[in-house]
C-alpha atoms as a PDB file:
ATOM      1  CA  MET A   1     -19.611 -19.063  -8.535  1.00  0.00           C
ATOM      2  CA  THR A   2     -21.761 -18.457  -5.471  1.00  0.00           C
ATOM      3  CA  VAL A   3     -19.038 -19.786  -3.172  1.00  0.00           C
ATOM      4  CA  LYS A   4     -16.433 -17.611  -4.905  1.00  0.00           C
ATOM      5  CA  ALA A   5     -18.654 -14.540  -4.465  1.00  0.00           C
ATOM      6  CA  LEU A   6     -19.113 -15.262  -0.747  1.00  0.00           C
ATOM      7  CA  LEU A   7     -15.359 -15.722  -0.295  1.00  0.00           C
ATOM      8  CA  ALA A   8     -14.707 -12.446  -2.144  1.00  0.00           C
ATOM      9  CA  ILE A   9     -17.050 -10.614   0.241  1.00  0.00           C
ATOM     10  CA  ALA A  10     -15.298 -12.211   3.234  1.00  0.00           C
ATOM     11  CA  SER A  11     -11.928 -11.168   1.774  1.00  0.00           C
ATOM     12  CA  PHE A  12     -13.079  -7.560   1.398  1.00  0.00           C
ATOM     13  CA  ILE A  13     -14.157  -7.516   5.054  1.00  0.00           C
ATOM     14  CA  VAL A  14     -10.695  -8.801   6.061  1.00  0.00           C
ATOM     15  CA  LEU A  15      -9.115  -6.070   3.920  1.00  0.00           C
ATOM     16  CA  LEU A  16     -11.199  -3.390   5.660  1.00  0.00           C
ATOM     17  CA  VAL A  17     -10.107  -4.735   9.062  1.00  0.00           C
ATOM     18  CA  PHE A  18      -6.435  -4.501   8.060  1.00  0.00           C
ATOM     19  CA  ILE A  19      -6.887  -0.974   6.702  1.00  0.00           C
ATOM     20  CA  ASN A  20      -8.666   0.258   9.828  1.00  0.00           C
ATOM     21  CA  PHE A  21      -6.463  -1.324  12.487  1.00  0.00           C
ATOM     22  CA  ILE A  22      -2.939  -1.216  10.996  1.00  0.00           C
ATOM     23  CA  PRO A  23      -1.669   2.398  10.731  1.00  0.00           C
ATOM     24  CA  LYS A  24       0.841   1.644   7.973  1.00  0.00           C
ATOM     25  CA  PHE A  25      -1.948   0.389   5.708  1.00  0.00           C
ATOM     26  CA  LYS A  26      -4.435   3.046   6.795  1.00  0.00           C
ATOM     27  CA  GLU A  27      -2.179   5.730   5.295  1.00  0.00           C
ATOM     28  CA  ASP A  28      -2.569   4.249   1.797  1.00  0.00           C
ATOM     29  CA  TRP A  29      -6.085   2.832   2.147  1.00  0.00           C
ATOM     30  CA  LEU A  30      -7.131   3.984  -1.328  1.00  0.00           C
ATOM     31  CA  VAL A  31      -4.380   1.905  -2.965  1.00  0.00           C
ATOM     32  CA  TYR A  32      -5.703  -1.264  -1.327  1.00  0.00           C
ATOM     33  CA  VAL A  33      -9.356  -0.527  -2.101  1.00  0.00           C
ATOM     34  CA  LEU A  34      -8.571   0.222  -5.755  1.00  0.00           C
ATOM     35  CA  SER A  35      -6.462  -2.951  -5.936  1.00  0.00           C
ATOM     36  CA  PHE A  36      -9.343  -5.124  -4.735  1.00  0.00           C
ATOM     37  CA  GLY A  37     -10.876  -5.019  -8.206  1.00  0.00           C
ATOM     38  CA  ALA A  38      -8.392  -7.753  -9.111  1.00  0.00           C
ATOM     39  CA  VAL A  39     -10.141 -10.035  -6.611  1.00  0.00           C
ATOM     40  CA  ILE A  40     -13.530  -9.173  -8.117  1.00  0.00           C
ATOM     41  CA  GLY A  41     -12.233  -9.916 -11.613  1.00  0.00           C
ATOM     42  CA  SER A  42     -10.775 -13.252 -10.509  1.00  0.00           C
ATOM     43  CA  THR A  43     -14.106 -14.094  -8.896  1.00  0.00           C
ATOM     44  CA  LEU A  44     -15.915 -13.451 -12.178  1.00  0.00           C
ATOM     45  CA  PHE A  45     -13.495 -15.198 -14.553  1.00  0.00           C
ATOM     46  CA  PRO A  46     -14.603 -18.843 -15.129  1.00  0.00           C
ATOM     47  CA  VAL A  47     -11.130 -20.393 -15.427  1.00  0.00           C
ATOM     48  CA  TRP A  48     -12.589 -23.638 -14.031  1.00  0.00           C
ATOM     49  CA  PHE A  49     -15.021 -23.873 -16.961  1.00  0.00           C
ATOM     50  CA  PHE A  50     -12.455 -23.304 -19.722  1.00  0.00           C
ATOM     51  CA  GLN A  51     -10.078 -25.773 -18.056  1.00  0.00           C
ATOM     52  CA  GLY A  52     -12.752 -28.423 -17.620  1.00  0.00           C
ATOM     53  CA  THR A  53     -13.926 -28.158 -21.232  1.00  0.00           C
ATOM     54  CA  GLU A  54     -10.338 -27.811 -22.549  1.00  0.00           C
ATOM     55  CA  LYS A  55     -11.151 -24.470 -24.186  1.00  0.00           C
ATOM     56  CA  MET A  56      -7.990 -22.839 -22.883  1.00  0.00           C
ATOM     57  CA  HIS A  57      -7.551 -20.648 -25.979  1.00  0.00           C
ATOM     58  CA  TYR A  58     -10.298 -18.358 -24.670  1.00  0.00           C
ATOM     59  CA  ILE A  59      -8.212 -17.640 -21.559  1.00  0.00           C
ATOM     60  CA  ALA A  60      -5.132 -16.930 -23.692  1.00  0.00           C
ATOM     61  CA  ILE A  61      -6.981 -14.636 -26.137  1.00  0.00           C
ATOM     62  CA  ILE A  62      -8.790 -12.619 -23.442  1.00  0.00           C
ATOM     63  CA  ASN A  63      -5.678 -12.183 -21.280  1.00  0.00           C
ATOM     64  CA  MET A  64      -3.428 -11.344 -24.230  1.00  0.00           C
ATOM     65  CA  ILE A  65      -5.725  -8.657 -25.687  1.00  0.00           C
ATOM     66  CA  GLY A  66      -6.542  -7.297 -22.219  1.00  0.00           C
ATOM     67  CA  GLY A  67      -2.871  -7.293 -21.219  1.00  0.00           C
ATOM     68  CA  VAL A  68      -1.804  -5.308 -24.294  1.00  0.00           C
ATOM     69  CA  ILE A  69      -4.549  -2.711 -23.694  1.00  0.00           C
ATOM     70  CA  TYR A  70      -3.638  -2.531 -19.977  1.00  0.00           C
ATOM     71  CA  ALA A  71       0.051  -1.973 -20.759  1.00  0.00           C
ATOM     72  CA  GLY A  72      -0.839   0.739 -23.288  1.00  0.00           C
ATOM     73  CA  LEU A  73      -3.093   2.544 -20.793  1.00  0.00           C
ATOM     74  CA  LEU A  74      -0.280   2.490 -18.202  1.00  0.00           C
ATOM     75  CA  PHE A  75       1.990   4.384 -20.598  1.00  0.00           C
ATOM     76  CA  VAL A  76      -0.790   6.867 -21.329  1.00  0.00           C
ATOM     77  CA  PHE A  77      -1.896   7.631 -17.756  1.00  0.00           C
ATOM     78  CA  VAL A  78       1.223   7.010 -15.621  1.00  0.00           C
ATOM     79  CA  ARG A  79       3.651   9.841 -16.331  1.00  0.00           C
ATOM     80  CA  SER A  80       4.981  10.717 -12.870  1.00  0.00           C
ATOM     81  CA  PRO A  81       5.088   9.363  -9.283  1.00  0.00           C
ATOM     82  CA  GLN A  82       1.927  11.367  -8.548  1.00  0.00           C
ATOM     83  CA  ASP A  83       0.016   9.135 -10.979  1.00  0.00           C
ATOM     84  CA  TYR A  84       0.566   6.004  -8.875  1.00  0.00           C
ATOM     85  CA  LEU A  85      -3.155   5.490  -8.155  1.00  0.00           C
ATOM     86  CA  TRP A  86      -3.728   4.826 -11.848  1.00  0.00           C
ATOM     87  CA  VAL A  87      -1.752   1.582 -11.517  1.00  0.00           C
ATOM     88  CA  PRO A  88      -4.071  -0.284  -9.077  1.00  0.00           C
ATOM     89  CA  PHE A  89      -7.118   1.254 -10.788  1.00  0.00           C
ATOM     90  CA  LEU A  90      -6.101   0.098 -14.284  1.00  0.00           C
ATOM     91  CA  ASN A  91      -4.987  -3.288 -12.940  1.00  0.00           C
ATOM     92  CA  SER A  92      -8.387  -3.792 -11.307  1.00  0.00           C
ATOM     93  CA  LEU A  93     -10.131  -2.596 -14.468  1.00  0.00           C
ATOM     94  CA  PHE A  94      -8.149  -5.175 -16.495  1.00  0.00           C
ATOM     95  CA  PHE A  95      -9.186  -8.017 -14.180  1.00  0.00           C
ATOM     96  CA  ILE A  96     -12.847  -6.959 -14.011  1.00  0.00           C
ATOM     97  CA  VAL A  97     -13.191  -6.509 -17.797  1.00  0.00           C
ATOM     98  CA  THR A  98     -11.439  -9.820 -18.598  1.00  0.00           C
ATOM     99  CA  GLY A  99     -13.538 -11.537 -15.918  1.00  0.00           C
ATOM    100  CA  TYR A 100     -16.713 -10.145 -17.448  1.00  0.00           C
ATOM    101  CA  LEU A 101     -15.666 -11.161 -20.981  1.00  0.00           C
ATOM    102  CA  GLY A 102     -14.796 -14.693 -19.826  1.00  0.00           C
ATOM    103  CA  LEU A 103     -18.158 -15.004 -18.124  1.00  0.00           C
ATOM    104  CA  ARG A 104     -19.982 -13.595 -21.157  1.00  0.00           C
ATOM    105  CA  ILE A 105     -18.327 -16.154 -23.467  1.00  0.00           C
ATOM    106  CA  ALA A 106     -19.135 -19.023 -21.087  1.00  0.00           C
ATOM    107  CA  PHE A 107     -22.794 -17.998 -20.819  1.00  0.00           C
ATOM    108  CA  ARG A 108     -23.452 -16.909 -24.397  1.00  0.00           C
ATOM    109  CA  LYS A 109     -21.378 -19.322 -26.468  1.00  0.00           C
ATOM    110  CA  PHE A 110     -21.955 -22.417 -24.334  1.00  0.00           C
ATOM    111  CA  LYS A 111     -25.569 -21.619 -23.404  1.00  0.00           C
ATOM    112  CA  LEU A 112     -24.984 -21.687 -19.642  1.00  0.00           C
ATOM    113  CA  GLU A 113     -27.316 -20.054 -17.175  1.00  0.00           C
ATOM    114  CA  PHE A 114     -26.904 -19.136 -13.527  1.00  0.00           C
ATOM    115  CA  VAL A 115     -29.006 -21.060 -11.012  1.00  0.00           C
ATOM    116  CA  PHE A 116     -29.198 -20.064  -7.342  1.00  0.00           C
ATOM    117  CA  GLN A 117     -28.067 -22.947  -5.129  1.00  0.00           C
ATOM    118  CA  THR A 118     -29.391 -24.288  -1.853  1.00  0.00           C
ATOM    119  CA  TYR A 119     -27.358 -24.170   1.353  1.00  0.00           C
ATOM    120  CA  SER A 120     -26.887 -27.973   1.262  1.00  0.00           C
ATOM    121  CA  SER A 121     -25.585 -27.757  -2.310  1.00  0.00           C
ATOM    122  CA  LEU A 122     -23.050 -25.071  -1.382  1.00  0.00           C
ATOM    123  CA  LYS A 123     -21.973 -27.071   1.659  1.00  0.00           C
ATOM    124  CA  GLN A 124     -21.507 -30.182  -0.499  1.00  0.00           C
ATOM    125  CA  GLU A 125     -19.419 -28.227  -3.036  1.00  0.00           C
ATOM    126  CA  LEU A 126     -17.207 -26.798  -0.306  1.00  0.00           C
ATOM    127  CA  HIS A 127     -16.733 -30.256   1.178  1.00  0.00           C
ATOM    128  CA  ALA A 128     -15.863 -31.782  -2.215  1.00  0.00           C
ATOM    129  CA  GLY A 129     -13.229 -29.148  -2.938  1.00  0.00           C
ATOM    130  CA  TRP A 130     -11.997 -28.676   0.621  1.00  0.00           C
ATOM    131  CA  ASP A 131      -8.515 -30.210   0.192  1.00  0.00           C
ATOM    132  CA  ILE A 132      -7.720 -28.128  -2.877  1.00  0.00           C
ATOM    133  CA  PHE A 133      -9.269 -25.022  -1.280  1.00  0.00           C
ATOM    134  CA  ILE A 134      -7.110 -25.385   1.835  1.00  0.00           C
ATOM    135  CA  SER A 135      -4.070 -26.031  -0.379  1.00  0.00           C
ATOM    136  CA  THR A 136      -4.716 -22.829  -2.321  1.00  0.00           C
ATOM    137  CA  VAL A 137      -5.106 -20.845   0.909  1.00  0.00           C
ATOM    138  CA  ALA A 138      -1.820 -22.337   2.164  1.00  0.00           C
ATOM    139  CA  ILE A 139      -0.047 -21.527  -1.114  1.00  0.00           C
ATOM    140  CA  ASN A 140      -1.264 -17.932  -0.923  1.00  0.00           C
ATOM    141  CA  ALA A 141      -0.152 -17.811   2.720  1.00  0.00           C
ATOM    142  CA  TYR A 142       3.509 -18.159   1.747  1.00  0.00           C
ATOM    143  CA  THR A 143       3.428 -16.522  -1.723  1.00  0.00           C
ATOM    144  CA  SER A 144       1.014 -13.586  -1.796  1.00  0.00           C
ATOM    145  CA  THR A 145       1.936 -12.529   1.759  1.00  0.00           C
ATOM    146  CA  ARG A 146       5.642 -12.013   1.052  1.00  0.00           C
ATOM    147  CA  ILE A 147       5.244  -8.415  -0.139  1.00  0.00           C
ATOM    148  CA  PHE A 148       2.750  -7.840   2.682  1.00  0.00           C
ATOM    149  CA  VAL A 149       5.240  -9.019   5.335  1.00  0.00           C
ATOM    150  CA  VAL A 150       8.121  -7.051   3.787  1.00  0.00           C
ATOM    151  CA  GLY A 151       5.892  -3.962   3.923  1.00  0.00           C
ATOM    152  CA  LEU A 152       4.944  -4.744   7.515  1.00  0.00           C
ATOM    153  CA  LEU A 153       8.507  -5.185   8.769  1.00  0.00           C
ATOM    154  CA  THR A 154      10.471  -2.740   6.579  1.00  0.00           C
ATOM    155  CA  ASN A 155       9.752   0.553   4.784  1.00  0.00           C
ATOM    156  CA  ASN A 156       8.070   1.518   1.517  1.00  0.00           C
ATOM    157  CA  THR A 157      11.326   1.856  -0.448  1.00  0.00           C
ATOM    158  CA  ILE A 158      12.547  -1.640   0.445  1.00  0.00           C
ATOM    159  CA  THR A 159       9.055  -3.012  -0.226  1.00  0.00           C
ATOM    160  CA  GLY A 160       9.128  -1.366  -3.654  1.00  0.00           C
ATOM    161  CA  TYR A 161      12.492  -2.972  -4.503  1.00  0.00           C
ATOM    162  CA  TYR A 162      11.306  -6.412  -3.438  1.00  0.00           C
ATOM    163  CA  SER A 163       7.953  -6.001  -5.184  1.00  0.00           C
ATOM    164  CA  ILE A 164       9.612  -5.167  -8.523  1.00  0.00           C
ATOM    165  CA  ALA A 165      11.967  -8.167  -8.275  1.00  0.00           C
ATOM    166  CA  GLU A 166       9.112 -10.517  -7.405  1.00  0.00           C
ATOM    167  CA  LYS A 167       6.929  -9.253 -10.262  1.00  0.00           C
ATOM    168  CA  ILE A 168       9.723  -9.878 -12.793  1.00  0.00           C
ATOM    169  CA  ALA A 169      10.359 -13.329 -11.296  1.00  0.00           C
ATOM    170  CA  ASN A 170       6.634 -14.142 -11.359  1.00  0.00           C
ATOM    171  CA  PHE A 171       6.449 -13.243 -15.039  1.00  0.00           C
ATOM    172  CA  ILE A 172       9.309 -15.629 -15.820  1.00  0.00           C
ATOM    173  CA  GLN A 173       7.732 -18.310 -13.634  1.00  0.00           C
ATOM    174  CA  THR A 174       4.209 -18.078 -15.045  1.00  0.00           C
ATOM    175  CA  PHE A 175       5.002 -17.510 -18.719  1.00  0.00           C
ATOM    176  CA  PRO A 176       4.827 -19.981 -20.325  1.00  0.00           C
ATOM    177  CA  LEU A 177       4.924 -22.564 -17.475  1.00  0.00           C
ATOM    178  CA  SER A 178       1.555 -21.677 -15.955  1.00  0.00           C
ATOM    179  CA  SER A 179      -0.261 -21.713 -19.309  1.00  0.00           C
ATOM    180  CA  PHE A 180       1.401 -24.990 -20.259  1.00  0.00           C
ATOM    181  CA  SER A 181       0.525 -26.737 -16.982  1.00  0.00           C
ATOM    182  CA  GLN A 182      -3.075 -25.445 -17.103  1.00  0.00           C
ATOM    183  CA  ALA A 183      -3.471 -26.810 -20.628  1.00  0.00           C
ATOM    184  CA  VAL A 184      -1.934 -30.183 -19.768  1.00  0.00           C
ATOM    185  CA  TYR A 185      -3.893 -30.782 -16.541  1.00  0.00           C
ATOM    186  CA  PRO A 186      -7.358 -31.661 -17.971  1.00  0.00           C
ATOM    187  CA  ARG A 187      -5.807 -33.760 -20.732  1.00  0.00           C
ATOM    188  CA  LEU A 188      -3.599 -35.614 -18.261  1.00  0.00           C
ATOM    189  CA  SER A 189      -6.661 -36.297 -16.083  1.00  0.00           C
ATOM    190  CA  ARG A 190      -8.495 -37.804 -19.045  1.00  0.00           C
ATOM    191  CA  ILE A 191      -5.512 -39.998 -19.983  1.00  0.00           C
ATOM    192  CA  TYR A 192      -5.203 -41.182 -16.366  1.00  0.00           C
ATOM    193  CA  ALA A 193      -8.858 -42.262 -16.352  1.00  0.00           C
ATOM    194  CA  HIS A 194      -8.166 -44.647 -19.249  1.00  0.00           C
ATOM    195  CA  ASN A 195      -4.493 -45.591 -18.894  1.00  0.00           C
ATOM    196  CA  LYS A 196      -2.623 -44.846 -15.648  1.00  0.00           C
ATOM    197  CA  GLN A 197       0.813 -45.933 -16.908  1.00  0.00           C
ATOM    198  CA  ARG A 198       0.546 -43.734 -19.990  1.00  0.00           C
ATOM    199  CA  ALA A 199      -0.455 -40.803 -17.784  1.00  0.00           C
ATOM    200  CA  VAL A 200       2.679 -41.320 -15.690  1.00  0.00           C
ATOM    201  CA  ARG A 201       4.841 -41.323 -18.851  1.00  0.00           C
ATOM    202  CA  VAL A 202       3.190 -38.144 -20.161  1.00  0.00           C
ATOM    203  CA  MET A 203       3.684 -36.433 -16.786  1.00  0.00           C
ATOM    204  CA  GLU A 204       7.344 -37.443 -16.621  1.00  0.00           C
ATOM    205  CA  LYS A 205       7.963 -36.285 -20.198  1.00  0.00           C
ATOM    206  CA  ALA A 206       6.329 -32.888 -19.544  1.00  0.00           C
ATOM    207  CA  GLN A 207       8.301 -32.537 -16.309  1.00  0.00           C
ATOM    208  CA  ASP A 208      11.603 -33.458 -18.003  1.00  0.00           C
ATOM    209  CA  ILE A 209      11.014 -30.838 -20.705  1.00  0.00           C
ATOM    210  CA  THR A 210      10.177 -28.165 -18.122  1.00  0.00           C
ATOM    211  CA  THR A 211      13.169 -29.011 -15.922  1.00  0.00           C
ATOM    212  CA  ALA A 212      15.551 -29.017 -18.891  1.00  0.00           C
ATOM    213  CA  THR A 213      14.203 -25.651 -20.023  1.00  0.00           C
ATOM    214  CA  GLY A 214      14.852 -24.277 -16.544  1.00  0.00           C
ATOM    215  CA  VAL A 215      18.393 -25.647 -16.451  1.00  0.00           C
ATOM    216  CA  ILE A 216      19.155 -23.956 -19.789  1.00  0.00           C
ATOM    217  CA  CYS A 217      17.274 -20.653 -19.443  1.00  0.00           C
ATOM    218  CA  LEU A 218      17.576 -19.692 -15.769  1.00  0.00           C
ATOM    219  CA  PRO A 219      21.421 -19.366 -15.749  1.00  0.00           C
ATOM    220  CA  ILE A 220      21.181 -17.096 -18.814  1.00  0.00           C
ATOM    221  CA  ILE A 221      18.542 -14.968 -17.073  1.00  0.00           C
ATOM    222  CA  PHE A 222      20.770 -14.905 -13.959  1.00  0.00           C
ATOM    223  CA  ILE A 223      23.673 -13.491 -15.991  1.00  0.00           C
ATOM    224  CA  PHE A 224      21.549 -10.859 -17.714  1.00  0.00           C
ATOM    225  CA  ALA A 225      19.573  -9.913 -14.593  1.00  0.00           C
ATOM    226  CA  PRO A 226      20.980  -6.329 -14.443  1.00  0.00           C
ATOM    227  CA  GLN A 227      19.978  -5.707 -18.064  1.00  0.00           C
ATOM    228  CA  ILE A 228      16.472  -7.106 -17.453  1.00  0.00           C
ATOM    229  CA  VAL A 229      15.981  -4.896 -14.391  1.00  0.00           C
ATOM    230  CA  LEU A 230      17.328  -1.908 -16.345  1.00  0.00           C
ATOM    231  CA  VAL A 231      14.752  -2.429 -19.112  1.00  0.00           C
ATOM    232  CA  VAL A 232      11.872  -2.879 -16.652  1.00  0.00           C
ATOM    233  CA  CYS A 233      12.794  -0.166 -14.121  1.00  0.00           C
ATOM    234  CA  GLY A 234      14.858   2.314 -16.117  1.00  0.00           C
ATOM    235  CA  SER A 235      17.756   1.702 -13.729  1.00  0.00           C
ATOM    236  CA  ALA A 236      19.635  -1.455 -12.657  1.00  0.00           C
ATOM    237  CA  TYR A 237      18.931  -1.109  -8.931  1.00  0.00           C
ATOM    238  CA  PRO A 238      21.424  -3.419  -7.117  1.00  0.00           C
ATOM    239  CA  ALA A 239      18.827  -4.443  -4.504  1.00  0.00           C
ATOM    240  CA  VAL A 240      16.331  -5.472  -7.197  1.00  0.00           C
ATOM    241  CA  VAL A 241      18.988  -7.384  -9.142  1.00  0.00           C
ATOM    242  CA  LEU A 242      20.104  -9.271  -6.018  1.00  0.00           C
ATOM    243  CA  VAL A 243      16.566 -10.300  -5.010  1.00  0.00           C
ATOM    244  CA  PHE A 244      15.663 -11.204  -8.600  1.00  0.00           C
ATOM    245  CA  ARG A 245      18.707 -13.478  -8.868  1.00  0.00           C
ATOM    246  CA  LEU A 246      17.869 -15.180  -5.573  1.00  0.00           C
ATOM    247  CA  LEU A 247      14.249 -15.749  -6.656  1.00  0.00           C
ATOM    248  CA  LEU A 248      15.496 -17.520  -9.794  1.00  0.00           C
ATOM    249  CA  PHE A 249      16.605 -20.393  -7.530  1.00  0.00           C
ATOM    250  CA  SER A 250      13.059 -20.748  -6.223  1.00  0.00           C
ATOM    251  CA  ILE A 251      11.753 -20.664  -9.811  1.00  0.00           C
ATOM    252  CA  PHE A 252      13.984 -23.633 -10.608  1.00  0.00           C
ATOM    253  CA  PHE A 253      12.423 -25.700  -7.806  1.00  0.00           C
ATOM    254  CA  ILE A 254       8.939 -24.659  -8.962  1.00  0.00           C
ATOM    255  CA  SER A 255       9.581 -25.560 -12.613  1.00  0.00           C
ATOM    256  CA  ALA A 256      11.261 -28.852 -11.636  1.00  0.00           C
ATOM    257  CA  ASN A 257       8.193 -29.754  -9.581  1.00  0.00           C
ATOM    258  CA  ALA A 258       5.277 -28.294 -11.584  1.00  0.00           C
ATOM    259  CA  PHE A 259       3.904 -31.472 -13.144  1.00  0.00           C
ATOM    260  CA  LYS A 260       4.837 -33.747 -10.253  1.00  0.00           C
ATOM    261  CA  ILE A 261       2.812 -31.757  -7.736  1.00  0.00           C
ATOM    262  CA  GLN A 262      -0.023 -31.466 -10.269  1.00  0.00           C
ATOM    263  CA  PHE A 263      -0.031 -35.245 -10.752  1.00  0.00           C
ATOM    264  CA  LEU A 264      -1.056 -35.712  -7.113  1.00  0.00           C
ATOM    265  CA  LEU A 265      -4.404 -34.139  -8.071  1.00  0.00           C
ATOM    266  CA  VAL A 266      -4.611 -36.154 -11.289  1.00  0.00           C
ATOM    267  CA  CYS A 267      -4.279 -39.448  -9.408  1.00  0.00           C
ATOM    268  CA  GLY A 268      -6.812 -38.443  -6.752  1.00  0.00           C
ATOM    269  CA  LYS A 269      -4.353 -37.662  -3.944  1.00  0.00           C
ATOM    270  CA  ALA A 270      -5.768 -34.241  -3.091  1.00  0.00           C
ATOM    271  CA  ASP A 271      -5.280 -34.972   0.610  1.00  0.00           C
ATOM    272  CA  THR A 272      -1.536 -35.509   0.061  1.00  0.00           C
ATOM    273  CA  TYR A 273      -1.412 -32.352  -2.065  1.00  0.00           C
ATOM    274  CA  ALA A 274      -3.079 -30.445   0.784  1.00  0.00           C
ATOM    275  CA  ARG A 275      -0.784 -31.887   3.476  1.00  0.00           C
ATOM    276  CA  ILE A 276       2.321 -30.818   1.549  1.00  0.00           C
ATOM    277  CA  HIS A 277       1.188 -27.208   1.107  1.00  0.00           C
ATOM    278  CA  VAL A 278      -0.409 -26.767   4.521  1.00  0.00           C
ATOM    279  CA  GLY A 279       2.680 -28.295   6.141  1.00  0.00           C
ATOM    280  CA  MET A 280       5.036 -25.989   4.247  1.00  0.00           C
ATOM    281  CA  ALA A 281       2.841 -22.987   5.059  1.00  0.00           C
ATOM    282  CA  ALA A 282       3.042 -23.876   8.764  1.00  0.00           C
ATOM    283  CA  ILE A 283       6.838 -24.174   8.534  1.00  0.00           C
ATOM    284  CA  GLY A 284       7.422 -21.462   5.952  1.00  0.00           C
ATOM    285  CA  LEU A 285       5.470 -18.560   7.434  1.00  0.00           C
ATOM    286  CA  PRO A 286       7.508 -18.397  10.682  1.00  0.00           C
ATOM    287  CA  ILE A 287      10.694 -18.690   8.600  1.00  0.00           C
ATOM    288  CA  LEU A 288       9.439 -15.876   6.349  1.00  0.00           C
ATOM    289  CA  PHE A 289       8.789 -13.521   9.286  1.00  0.00           C
ATOM    290  CA  LEU A 290      12.080 -14.461  10.991  1.00  0.00           C
ATOM    291  CA  LEU A 291      14.286 -14.002   7.910  1.00  0.00           C
ATOM    292  CA  ILE A 292      12.607 -10.755   6.800  1.00  0.00           C
ATOM    293  CA  ASP A 293      12.980  -9.353  10.315  1.00  0.00           C
ATOM    294  CA  SER A 294      16.673 -10.351  10.324  1.00  0.00           C
ATOM    295  CA  PHE A 295      17.737  -9.806   6.690  1.00  0.00           C
ATOM    296  CA  SER A 296      15.055  -7.556   5.153  1.00  0.00           C
ATOM    297  CA  TYR A 297      14.229  -8.206   1.465  1.00  0.00           C
ATOM    298  CA  VAL A 298      17.083 -10.724   1.130  1.00  0.00           C
ATOM    299  CA  GLY A 299      15.435 -12.734   3.902  1.00  0.00           C
ATOM    300  CA  ALA A 300      12.154 -12.803   1.937  1.00  0.00           C
ATOM    301  CA  ALA A 301      13.902 -14.221  -1.135  1.00  0.00           C
ATOM    302  CA  THR A 302      15.858 -16.743   0.964  1.00  0.00           C
ATOM    303  CA  ALA A 303      12.684 -17.914   2.731  1.00  0.00           C
ATOM    304  CA  THR A 304      11.052 -18.408  -0.684  1.00  0.00           C
ATOM    305  CA  ILE A 305      13.917 -20.652  -1.800  1.00  0.00           C
ATOM    306  CA  ILE A 306      13.673 -22.727   1.413  1.00  0.00           C
ATOM    307  CA  ILE A 307       9.891 -23.143   1.074  1.00  0.00           C
ATOM    308  CA  GLU A 308       9.955 -24.143  -2.599  1.00  0.00           C
ATOM    309  CA  ALA A 309      12.852 -26.555  -1.984  1.00  0.00           C
ATOM    310  CA  GLY A 310      10.837 -28.111   0.850  1.00  0.00           C
ATOM    311  CA  ILE A 311       7.774 -28.560  -1.395  1.00  0.00           C
ATOM    312  CA  PHE A 312       9.996 -30.103  -4.074  1.00  0.00           C
ATOM    313  CA  ALA A 313      11.449 -32.615  -1.591  1.00  0.00           C
ATOM    314  CA  ALA A 314       8.046 -33.473  -0.059  1.00  0.00           C
ATOM    315  CA  THR A 315       6.484 -33.987  -3.500  1.00  0.00           C
ATOM    316  CA  PHE A 316       9.364 -36.198  -4.641  1.00  0.00           C
ATOM    317  CA  TYR A 317       9.012 -38.394  -1.555  1.00  0.00           C
ATOM    318  CA  SER A 318       5.198 -38.572  -1.727  1.00  0.00           C
ATOM    319  CA  LEU A 319       5.008 -39.303  -5.454  1.00  0.00           C
ATOM    320  CA  ARG A 320       7.710 -41.935  -5.161  1.00  0.00           C
ATOM    321  CA  LYS A 321       5.605 -43.785  -2.580  1.00  0.00           C
ATOM    322  CA  ILE A 322       2.452 -43.517  -4.709  1.00  0.00           C
ATOM    323  CA  LEU A 323       4.039 -44.637  -7.971  1.00  0.00           C
END
């Protein structure tokens, strides 16, 4: 928790630098400051604890109740384009409140208490989790920065179109895949500690189910993309529909790789996991900038497909060697 807090402070300093030195972001500085509450909330929420103790239902309950309240408040407070600041404010409020509730449950129900750590202890913790930390930074480098780069190289309207398409795609990607993989991970780790072959079979079964679900569902979503965008946006914007359909291809690679890439961590190959993501970040970021500069929002979606396909191929090769 101490390390997360220090990283959050460092992130806020980076945000302030961007706001002060990039004119495009300086114009809407309040949007970015209000949005930073999401980082604070993520810093507070003890996902690691609920995963490690296999008490994932707390995450589901808190997020579900908080999400319903957040959606309701959006309808209450956002009535016109002039109300746009309510969106980052309410989003940050959702993250901070759910983070606080998660922390309260962890401390109260499980009798935890916070203990200030020594410098050597923090250094040891950073060293122990370095591979996964670097992997997460690399993943964010080619996922979270896509909207940022589109905004940097295009205009606000195009950025809005791409942002909507990506948010819809992210919802389809994370629900229920993210919850399922988070729930399976600690259990798979425990099985691997006792029976490696059984762990491999469980991983392959979970991956087969996920891949088959993608093969069945994603083409249907592709066909009904205009209707989905219409429901979400109030209008079936052609640009949003096009980007959304392209991003569905990247979702297929992600779903067909979810448990394979996770298994690298289960079997103690965090270094391989890190090499794959850092390598793809090094390759993918230049591709992302190049394609967005050349093809605007379509380039961002195309770069995403290339990156996720590359991770899929690298994971397949690496896991094949290990197994």
